[in-house]
Amino acid sequence: MELPLDKVTSSEVSKRFGYYYDEAMTHPIAVERNGAARVVMMSAAEYERLARLDHIALAPEELSNDALRAIINAEPTSESYDNNKLLD
């Protein structure tokens, strides 16, 4: 699920840093440079929450359809076959 992300140019952030700092405390703000989002401003609490999610195991029914398709279609690397000898 992709959420809409407010976008602002880096020059606008530099002109009104205090405003965007306060805004980022309530929702993420994408900062664009040369027309592309380069960084996201967000509260430290939200960053820490997202970082913790990186280490959470999910049940298959909790995965998105895209994630399930990626897992189903994944091909093992040659290095993974080399690990078979460790099981003997």
PDB file of N, CA and C in Angstrom:
ATOM      1  N   MET A   1       0.844  -1.186   0.000  1.00  0.00           N
ATOM      2  CA  MET A   1       0.000   0.000   0.000  1.00  0.00           C
ATOM      3  C   MET A   1       0.882   1.239   0.000  1.00  0.00           C
ATOM      4  N   GLU A   2       0.694   2.067  -0.951  1.00  0.00           N
ATOM      5  CA  GLU A   2       1.504   3.273  -1.067  1.00  0.00           C
ATOM      6  C   GLU A   2       0.701   4.477  -0.588  1.00  0.00           C
ATOM      7  N   LEU A   3       1.264   5.203   0.367  1.00  0.00           N
ATOM      8  CA  LEU A   3       0.594   6.383   0.900  1.00  0.00           C
ATOM      9  C   LEU A   3       1.054   7.621   0.159  1.00  0.00           C
ATOM     10  N   PRO A   4       0.173   8.598   0.007  1.00  0.00           N
ATOM     11  CA  PRO A   4       0.610   9.853  -0.625  1.00  0.00           C
ATOM     12  C   PRO A   4       1.664  10.529   0.248  1.00  0.00           C
ATOM     13  N   LEU A   5       2.624  11.149  -0.391  1.00  0.00           N
ATOM     14  CA  LEU A   5       3.726  11.787   0.316  1.00  0.00           C
ATOM     15  C   LEU A   5       3.799  13.236  -0.128  1.00  0.00           C
ATOM     16  N   ASP A   6       3.725  14.152   0.831  1.00  0.00           N
ATOM     17  CA  ASP A   6       3.880  15.566   0.492  1.00  0.00           C
ATOM     18  C   ASP A   6       5.293  15.789  -0.030  1.00  0.00           C
ATOM     19  N   LYS A   7       5.409  16.548  -1.115  1.00  0.00           N
ATOM     20  CA  LYS A   7       6.717  16.812  -1.722  1.00  0.00           C
ATOM     21  C   LYS A   7       6.983  18.302  -1.746  1.00  0.00           C
ATOM     22  N   VAL A   8       8.242  18.653  -1.530  1.00  0.00           N
ATOM     23  CA  VAL A   8       8.660  20.047  -1.530  1.00  0.00           C
ATOM     24  C   VAL A   8      10.088  20.115  -2.070  1.00  0.00           C
ATOM     25  N   THR A   9      10.427  21.219  -2.717  1.00  0.00           N
ATOM     26  CA  THR A   9      11.785  21.357  -3.250  1.00  0.00           C
ATOM     27  C   THR A   9      12.768  21.676  -2.130  1.00  0.00           C
ATOM     28  N   SER A  10      14.021  21.347  -2.358  1.00  0.00           N
ATOM     29  CA  SER A  10      15.048  21.629  -1.354  1.00  0.00           C
ATOM     30  C   SER A  10      15.205  23.130  -1.137  1.00  0.00           C
ATOM     31  N   SER A  11      15.026  23.927  -2.188  1.00  0.00           N
ATOM     32  CA  SER A  11      15.144  25.379  -2.007  1.00  0.00           C
ATOM     33  C   SER A  11      14.006  25.907  -1.135  1.00  0.00           C
ATOM     34  N   GLU A  12      12.811  25.338  -1.280  1.00  0.00           N
ATOM     35  CA  GLU A  12      11.689  25.750  -0.430  1.00  0.00           C
ATOM     36  C   GLU A  12      11.947  25.368   1.028  1.00  0.00           C
ATOM     37  N   VAL A  13      12.523  24.186   1.251  1.00  0.00           N
ATOM     38  CA  VAL A  13      12.858  23.772   2.621  1.00  0.00           C
ATOM     39  C   VAL A  13      13.889  24.720   3.212  1.00  0.00           C
ATOM     40  N   SER A  14      14.888  25.107   2.427  1.00  0.00           N
ATOM     41  CA  SER A  14      15.914  26.005   2.968  1.00  0.00           C
ATOM     42  C   SER A  14      15.336  27.373   3.316  1.00  0.00           C
ATOM     43  N   LYS A  15      14.334  27.815   2.564  1.00  0.00           N
ATOM     44  CA  LYS A  15      13.705  29.108   2.858  1.00  0.00           C
ATOM     45  C   LYS A  15      12.788  29.042   4.078  1.00  0.00           C
ATOM     46  N   ARG A  16      12.134  27.900   4.271  1.00  0.00           N
ATOM     47  CA  ARG A  16      11.126  27.782   5.336  1.00  0.00           C
ATOM     48  C   ARG A  16      11.391  26.540   6.186  1.00  0.00           C
ATOM     49  N   PHE A  17      12.649  26.379   6.617  1.00  0.00           N
ATOM     50  CA  PHE A  17      13.029  25.168   7.333  1.00  0.00           C
ATOM     51  C   PHE A  17      12.173  24.936   8.568  1.00  0.00           C
ATOM     52  N   GLY A  18      11.947  25.953   9.374  1.00  0.00           N
ATOM     53  CA  GLY A  18      11.161  25.795  10.598  1.00  0.00           C
ATOM     54  C   GLY A  18       9.773  25.246  10.327  1.00  0.00           C
ATOM     55  N   TYR A  19       9.142  25.744   9.283  1.00  0.00           N
ATOM     56  CA  TYR A  19       7.797  25.282   8.923  1.00  0.00           C
ATOM     57  C   TYR A  19       7.822  23.796   8.556  1.00  0.00           C
ATOM     58  N   TYR A  20       8.752  23.400   7.682  1.00  0.00           N
ATOM     59  CA  TYR A  20       8.798  22.008   7.245  1.00  0.00           C
ATOM     60  C   TYR A  20       9.289  21.082   8.352  1.00  0.00           C
ATOM     61  N   TYR A  21      10.116  21.589   9.242  1.00  0.00           N
ATOM     62  CA  TYR A  21      10.530  20.824  10.419  1.00  0.00           C
ATOM     63  C   TYR A  21       9.295  20.466  11.238  1.00  0.00           C
ATOM     64  N   ASP A  22       8.450  21.452  11.502  1.00  0.00           N
ATOM     65  CA  ASP A  22       7.222  21.207  12.266  1.00  0.00           C
ATOM     66  C   ASP A  22       6.282  20.269  11.515  1.00  0.00           C
ATOM     67  N   GLU A  23       6.158  20.453  10.204  1.00  0.00           N
ATOM     68  CA  GLU A  23       5.298  19.576   9.401  1.00  0.00           C
ATOM     69  C   GLU A  23       5.792  18.129   9.457  1.00  0.00           C
ATOM     70  N   ALA A  24       7.096  17.937   9.398  1.00  0.00           N
ATOM     71  CA  ALA A  24       7.670  16.592   9.408  1.00  0.00           C
ATOM     72  C   ALA A  24       7.440  15.880  10.735  1.00  0.00           C
ATOM     73  N   MET A  25       7.136  16.618  11.772  1.00  0.00           N
ATOM     74  CA  MET A  25       6.815  15.995  13.054  1.00  0.00           C
ATOM     75  C   MET A  25       5.447  15.319  13.010  1.00  0.00           C
ATOM     76  N   THR A  26       4.589  15.703  12.069  1.00  0.00           N
ATOM     77  CA  THR A  26       3.252  15.117  11.984  1.00  0.00           C
ATOM     78  C   THR A  26       3.096  14.162  10.807  1.00  0.00           C
ATOM     79  N   HIS A  27       3.898  14.323   9.767  1.00  0.00           N
ATOM     80  CA  HIS A  27       3.845  13.417   8.618  1.00  0.00           C
ATOM     81  C   HIS A  27       5.122  13.582   7.787  1.00  0.00           C
ATOM     82  N   PRO A  28       5.533  12.513   7.098  1.00  0.00           N
ATOM     83  CA  PRO A  28       6.761  12.584   6.296  1.00  0.00           C
ATOM     84  C   PRO A  28       6.647  13.592   5.153  1.00  0.00           C
ATOM     85  N   ILE A  29       7.752  14.246   4.863  1.00  0.00           N
ATOM     86  CA  ILE A  29       7.850  15.220   3.777  1.00  0.00           C
ATOM     87  C   ILE A  29       9.001  14.787   2.858  1.00  0.00           C
ATOM     88  N   ALA A  30       8.715  14.563   1.580  1.00  0.00           N
ATOM     89  CA  ALA A  30       9.762  14.235   0.612  1.00  0.00           C
ATOM     90  C   ALA A  30      10.399  15.534   0.135  1.00  0.00           C
ATOM     91  N   VAL A  31      11.711  15.575   0.153  1.00  0.00           N
ATOM     92  CA  VAL A  31      12.439  16.760  -0.303  1.00  0.00           C
ATOM     93  C   VAL A  31      13.031  16.435  -1.674  1.00  0.00           C
ATOM     94  N   GLU A  32      12.632  17.236  -2.667  1.00  0.00           N
ATOM     95  CA  GLU A  32      13.061  17.005  -4.046  1.00  0.00           C
ATOM     96  C   GLU A  32      14.228  17.906  -4.429  1.00  0.00           C
ATOM     97  N   ARG A  33      15.075  17.355  -5.259  1.00  0.00           N
ATOM     98  CA  ARG A  33      16.168  18.130  -5.848  1.00  0.00           C
ATOM     99  C   ARG A  33      16.256  17.715  -7.307  1.00  0.00           C
ATOM    100  N   ASN A  34      16.281  18.670  -8.185  1.00  0.00           N
ATOM    101  CA  ASN A  34      16.289  18.399  -9.626  1.00  0.00           C
ATOM    102  C   ASN A  34      15.112  17.518 -10.035  1.00  0.00           C
ATOM    103  N   GLY A  35      13.963  17.746  -9.397  1.00  0.00           N
ATOM    104  CA  GLY A  35      12.737  17.053  -9.776  1.00  0.00           C
ATOM    105  C   GLY A  35      12.543  15.659  -9.225  1.00  0.00           C
ATOM    106  N   ALA A  36      13.483  15.172  -8.425  1.00  0.00           N
ATOM    107  CA  ALA A  36      13.353  13.824  -7.867  1.00  0.00           C
ATOM    108  C   ALA A  36      13.446  13.875  -6.349  1.00  0.00           C
ATOM    109  N   ALA A  37      12.613  13.087  -5.682  1.00  0.00           N
ATOM    110  CA  ALA A  37      12.673  13.008  -4.217  1.00  0.00           C
ATOM    111  C   ALA A  37      14.002  12.366  -3.830  1.00  0.00           C
ATOM    112  N   ARG A  38      14.777  13.066  -3.013  1.00  0.00           N
ATOM    113  CA  ARG A  38      16.106  12.576  -2.616  1.00  0.00           C
ATOM    114  C   ARG A  38      16.146  12.122  -1.163  1.00  0.00           C
ATOM    115  N   VAL A  39      15.432  12.831  -0.291  1.00  0.00           N
ATOM    116  CA  VAL A  39      15.390  12.487   1.130  1.00  0.00           C
ATOM    117  C   VAL A  39      13.969  12.684   1.638  1.00  0.00           C
ATOM    118  N   VAL A  40      13.710  12.105   2.807  1.00  0.00           N
ATOM    119  CA  VAL A  40      12.415  12.279   3.458  1.00  0.00           C
ATOM    120  C   VAL A  40      12.661  12.797   4.866  1.00  0.00           C
ATOM    121  N   MET A  41      11.969  13.875   5.204  1.00  0.00           N
ATOM    122  CA  MET A  41      12.017  14.405   6.569  1.00  0.00           C
ATOM    123  C   MET A  41      10.865  13.766   7.342  1.00  0.00           C
ATOM    124  N   MET A  42      11.174  13.217   8.534  1.00  0.00           N
ATOM    125  CA  MET A  42      10.145  12.636   9.393  1.00  0.00           C
ATOM    126  C   MET A  42      10.617  12.710  10.833  1.00  0.00           C
ATOM    127  N   SER A  43       9.692  12.505  11.747  1.00  0.00           N
ATOM    128  CA  SER A  43      10.060  12.556  13.158  1.00  0.00           C
ATOM    129  C   SER A  43      11.002  11.401  13.487  1.00  0.00           C
ATOM    130  N   ALA A  44      11.831  11.598  14.489  1.00  0.00           N
ATOM    131  CA  ALA A  44      12.741  10.545  14.926  1.00  0.00           C
ATOM    132  C   ALA A  44      11.950   9.336  15.419  1.00  0.00           C
ATOM    133  N   ALA A  45      10.826   9.573  16.074  1.00  0.00           N
ATOM    134  CA  ALA A  45      10.000   8.463  16.566  1.00  0.00           C
ATOM    135  C   ALA A  45       9.491   7.606  15.411  1.00  0.00           C
ATOM    136  N   GLU A  46       9.067   8.242  14.325  1.00  0.00           N
ATOM    137  CA  GLU A  46       8.587   7.490  13.159  1.00  0.00           C
ATOM    138  C   GLU A  46       9.727   6.728  12.506  1.00  0.00           C
ATOM    139  N   TYR A  47      10.904   7.330  12.415  1.00  0.00           N
ATOM    140  CA  TYR A  47      12.063   6.638  11.854  1.00  0.00           C
ATOM    141  C   TYR A  47      12.391   5.399  12.687  1.00  0.00           C
ATOM    142  N   GLU A  48      12.415   5.553  14.009  1.00  0.00           N
ATOM    143  CA  GLU A  48      12.722   4.424  14.890  1.00  0.00           C
ATOM    144  C   GLU A  48      11.673   3.326  14.760  1.00  0.00           C
ATOM    145  N   ARG A  49      10.402   3.701  14.634  1.00  0.00           N
ATOM    146  CA  ARG A  49       9.331   2.718  14.456  1.00  0.00           C
ATOM    147  C   ARG A  49       9.551   1.936  13.159  1.00  0.00           C
ATOM    148  N   LEU A  50       9.865   2.639  12.087  1.00  0.00           N
ATOM    149  CA  LEU A  50      10.100   1.977  10.809  1.00  0.00           C
ATOM    150  C   LEU A  50      11.347   1.091  10.850  1.00  0.00           C
ATOM    151  N   ALA A  51      12.382   1.545  11.533  1.00  0.00           N
ATOM    152  CA  ALA A  51      13.608   0.756  11.640  1.00  0.00           C
ATOM    153  C   ALA A  51      13.345  -0.549  12.391  1.00  0.00           C
ATOM    154  N   ARG A  52      12.509  -0.511  13.411  1.00  0.00           N
ATOM    155  CA  ARG A  52      12.167  -1.730  14.150  1.00  0.00           C
ATOM    156  C   ARG A  52      11.392  -2.709  13.269  1.00  0.00           C
ATOM    157  N   LEU A  53      10.560  -2.203  12.376  1.00  0.00           N
ATOM    158  CA  LEU A  53       9.779  -3.079  11.494  1.00  0.00           C
ATOM    159  C   LEU A  53      10.666  -3.906  10.582  1.00  0.00           C
ATOM    160  N   ASP A  54      11.873  -3.434  10.332  1.00  0.00           N
ATOM    161  CA  ASP A  54      12.803  -4.143   9.465  1.00  0.00           C
ATOM    162  C   ASP A  54      13.177  -5.504  10.040  1.00  0.00           C
ATOM    163  N   HIS A  55      12.950  -5.708  11.330  1.00  0.00           N
ATOM    164  CA  HIS A  55      13.367  -6.936  11.999  1.00  0.00           C
ATOM    165  C   HIS A  55      12.183  -7.762  12.492  1.00  0.00           C
ATOM    166  N   ILE A  56      11.008  -7.525  11.942  1.00  0.00           N
ATOM    167  CA  ILE A  56       9.815  -8.241  12.374  1.00  0.00           C
ATOM    168  C   ILE A  56       9.477  -9.308  11.348  1.00  0.00           C
ATOM    169  N   ALA A  57       9.220 -10.516  11.838  1.00  0.00           N
ATOM    170  CA  ALA A  57       8.788 -11.592  10.950  1.00  0.00           C
ATOM    171  C   ALA A  57       7.292 -11.461  10.704  1.00  0.00           C
ATOM    172  N   LEU A  58       6.887 -11.723   9.485  1.00  0.00           N
ATOM    173  CA  LEU A  58       5.478 -11.646   9.122  1.00  0.00           C
ATOM    174  C   LEU A  58       4.969 -13.022   8.722  1.00  0.00           C
ATOM    175  N   ALA A  59       3.700 -13.271   9.006  1.00  0.00           N
ATOM    176  CA  ALA A  59       3.049 -14.480   8.514  1.00  0.00           C
ATOM    177  C   ALA A  59       2.760 -14.281   7.028  1.00  0.00           C
ATOM    178  N   PRO A  60       2.691 -15.359   6.251  1.00  0.00           N
ATOM    179  CA  PRO A  60       2.447 -15.204   4.810  1.00  0.00           C
ATOM    180  C   PRO A  60       1.217 -14.364   4.483  1.00  0.00           C
ATOM    181  N   GLU A  61       0.165 -14.497   5.258  1.00  0.00           N
ATOM    182  CA  GLU A  61      -1.052 -13.733   4.965  1.00  0.00           C
ATOM    183  C   GLU A  61      -0.888 -12.235   5.229  1.00  0.00           C
ATOM    184  N   GLU A  62       0.179 -11.851   5.904  1.00  0.00           N
ATOM    185  CA  GLU A  62       0.440 -10.438   6.161  1.00  0.00           C
ATOM    186  C   GLU A  62       1.252  -9.777   5.043  1.00  0.00           C
ATOM    187  N   LEU A  63       1.789 -10.573   4.134  1.00  0.00           N
ATOM    188  CA  LEU A  63       2.608 -10.045   3.044  1.00  0.00           C
ATOM    189  C   LEU A  63       1.728  -9.520   1.919  1.00  0.00           C
ATOM    190  N   SER A  64       2.234  -8.518   1.230  1.00  0.00           N
ATOM    191  CA  SER A  64       1.518  -7.988   0.069  1.00  0.00           C
ATOM    192  C   SER A  64       1.601  -8.992  -1.080  1.00  0.00           C
ATOM    193  N   ASN A  65       0.705  -8.864  -2.029  1.00  0.00           N
ATOM    194  CA  ASN A  65       0.740  -9.742  -3.206  1.00  0.00           C
ATOM    195  C   ASN A  65       2.054  -9.602  -3.959  1.00  0.00           C
ATOM    196  N   ASP A  66       2.577  -8.384  -4.050  1.00  0.00           N
ATOM    197  CA  ASP A  66       3.864  -8.165  -4.729  1.00  0.00           C
ATOM    198  C   ASP A  66       4.988  -8.897  -4.012  1.00  0.00           C
ATOM    199  N   ALA A  67       4.990  -8.842  -2.673  1.00  0.00           N
ATOM    200  CA  ALA A  67       6.032  -9.525  -1.900  1.00  0.00           C
ATOM    201  C   ALA A  67       5.922 -11.035  -2.077  1.00  0.00           C
ATOM    202  N   LEU A  68       4.707 -11.562  -2.046  1.00  0.00           N
ATOM    203  CA  LEU A  68       4.519 -13.003  -2.244  1.00  0.00           C
ATOM    204  C   LEU A  68       4.984 -13.437  -3.630  1.00  0.00           C
ATOM    205  N   ARG A  69       4.649 -12.659  -4.661  1.00  0.00           N
ATOM    206  CA  ARG A  69       5.088 -12.978  -6.024  1.00  0.00           C
ATOM    207  C   ARG A  69       6.613 -12.953  -6.121  1.00  0.00           C
ATOM    208  N   ALA A  70       7.235 -11.977  -5.466  1.00  0.00           N
ATOM    209  CA  ALA A  70       8.702 -11.882  -5.498  1.00  0.00           C
ATOM    210  C   ALA A  70       9.335 -13.111  -4.851  1.00  0.00           C
ATOM    211  N   ILE A  71       8.757 -13.579  -3.758  1.00  0.00           N
ATOM    212  CA  ILE A  71       9.288 -14.771  -3.081  1.00  0.00           C
ATOM    213  C   ILE A  71       9.103 -16.005  -3.956  1.00  0.00           C
ATOM    214  N   ILE A  72       7.907 -16.156  -4.514  1.00  0.00           N
ATOM    215  CA  ILE A  72       7.613 -17.320  -5.354  1.00  0.00           C
ATOM    216  C   ILE A  72       8.526 -17.363  -6.575  1.00  0.00           C
ATOM    217  N   ASN A  73       8.813 -16.217  -7.158  1.00  0.00           N
ATOM    218  CA  ASN A  73       9.609 -16.154  -8.386  1.00  0.00           C
ATOM    219  C   ASN A  73      11.110 -16.015  -8.149  1.00  0.00           C
ATOM    220  N   ALA A  74      11.536 -15.967  -6.899  1.00  0.00           N
ATOM    221  CA  ALA A  74      12.959 -15.791  -6.589  1.00  0.00           C
ATOM    222  C   ALA A  74      13.758 -17.017  -7.040  1.00  0.00           C
ATOM    223  N   GLU A  75      14.911 -16.768  -7.589  1.00  0.00           N
ATOM    224  CA  GLU A  75      15.819 -17.834  -8.015  1.00  0.00           C
ATOM    225  C   GLU A  75      17.018 -17.852  -7.074  1.00  0.00           C
ATOM    226  N   PRO A  76      17.384 -19.036  -6.571  1.00  0.00           N
ATOM    227  CA  PRO A  76      18.553 -19.099  -5.690  1.00  0.00           C
ATOM    228  C   PRO A  76      19.832 -18.769  -6.455  1.00  0.00           C
ATOM    229  N   THR A  77      20.763 -18.158  -5.760  1.00  0.00           N
ATOM    230  CA  THR A  77      22.057 -17.837  -6.368  1.00  0.00           C
ATOM    231  C   THR A  77      22.954 -19.074  -6.340  1.00  0.00           C
ATOM    232  N   SER A  78      24.012 -19.046  -7.109  1.00  0.00           N
ATOM    233  CA  SER A  78      24.943 -20.180  -7.105  1.00  0.00           C
ATOM    234  C   SER A  78      25.564 -20.365  -5.723  1.00  0.00           C
ATOM    235  N   GLU A  79      25.746 -19.272  -4.990  1.00  0.00           N
ATOM    236  CA  GLU A  79      26.308 -19.369  -3.640  1.00  0.00           C
ATOM    237  C   GLU A  79      25.381 -20.142  -2.713  1.00  0.00           C
ATOM    238  N   SER A  80      24.081 -20.020  -2.919  1.00  0.00           N
ATOM    239  CA  SER A  80      23.155 -20.740  -2.040  1.00  0.00           C
ATOM    240  C   SER A  80      23.263 -22.246  -2.264  1.00  0.00           C
ATOM    241  N   TYR A  81      23.523 -22.670  -3.508  1.00  0.00           N
ATOM    242  CA  TYR A  81      23.715 -24.096  -3.766  1.00  0.00           C
ATOM    243  C   TYR A  81      24.992 -24.597  -3.098  1.00  0.00           C
ATOM    244  N   ASP A  82      25.995 -23.749  -3.019  1.00  0.00           N
ATOM    245  CA  ASP A  82      27.247 -24.131  -2.362  1.00  0.00           C
ATOM    246  C   ASP A  82      27.027 -24.439  -0.889  1.00  0.00           C
ATOM    247  N   ASN A  83      26.004 -23.856  -0.301  1.00  0.00           N
ATOM    248  CA  ASN A  83      25.723 -24.100   1.115  1.00  0.00           C
ATOM    249  C   ASN A  83      25.133 -25.483   1.366  1.00  0.00           C
ATOM    250  N   ASN A  84      24.676 -26.173   0.321  1.00  0.00           N
ATOM    251  CA  ASN A  84      24.130 -27.516   0.501  1.00  0.00           C
ATOM    252  C   ASN A  84      25.142 -28.453   1.145  1.00  0.00           C
ATOM    253  N   LYS A  85      26.426 -28.273   0.838  1.00  0.00           N
ATOM    254  CA  LYS A  85      27.453 -29.154   1.404  1.00  0.00           C
ATOM    255  C   LYS A  85      27.543 -29.010   2.922  1.00  0.00           C
ATOM    256  N   LEU A  86      27.086 -27.891   3.449  1.00  0.00           N
ATOM    257  CA  LEU A  86      27.105 -27.705   4.896  1.00  0.00           C
ATOM    258  C   LEU A  86      26.057 -28.567   5.590  1.00  0.00           C
ATOM    259  N   LEU A  87      25.071 -29.037   4.846  1.00  0.00           N
ATOM    260  CA  LEU A  87      24.009 -29.859   5.415  1.00  0.00           C
ATOM    261  C   LEU A  87      24.358 -31.336   5.436  1.00  0.00           C
ATOM    262  N   ASP A  88      25.398 -31.735   4.711  1.00  0.00           N
ATOM    263  CA  ASP A  88      25.782 -33.160   4.648  1.00  0.00           C
ATOM    264  C   ASP A  88      26.500 -33.596   5.894  1.00  0.00           C
TER     265      ASP A  88
END
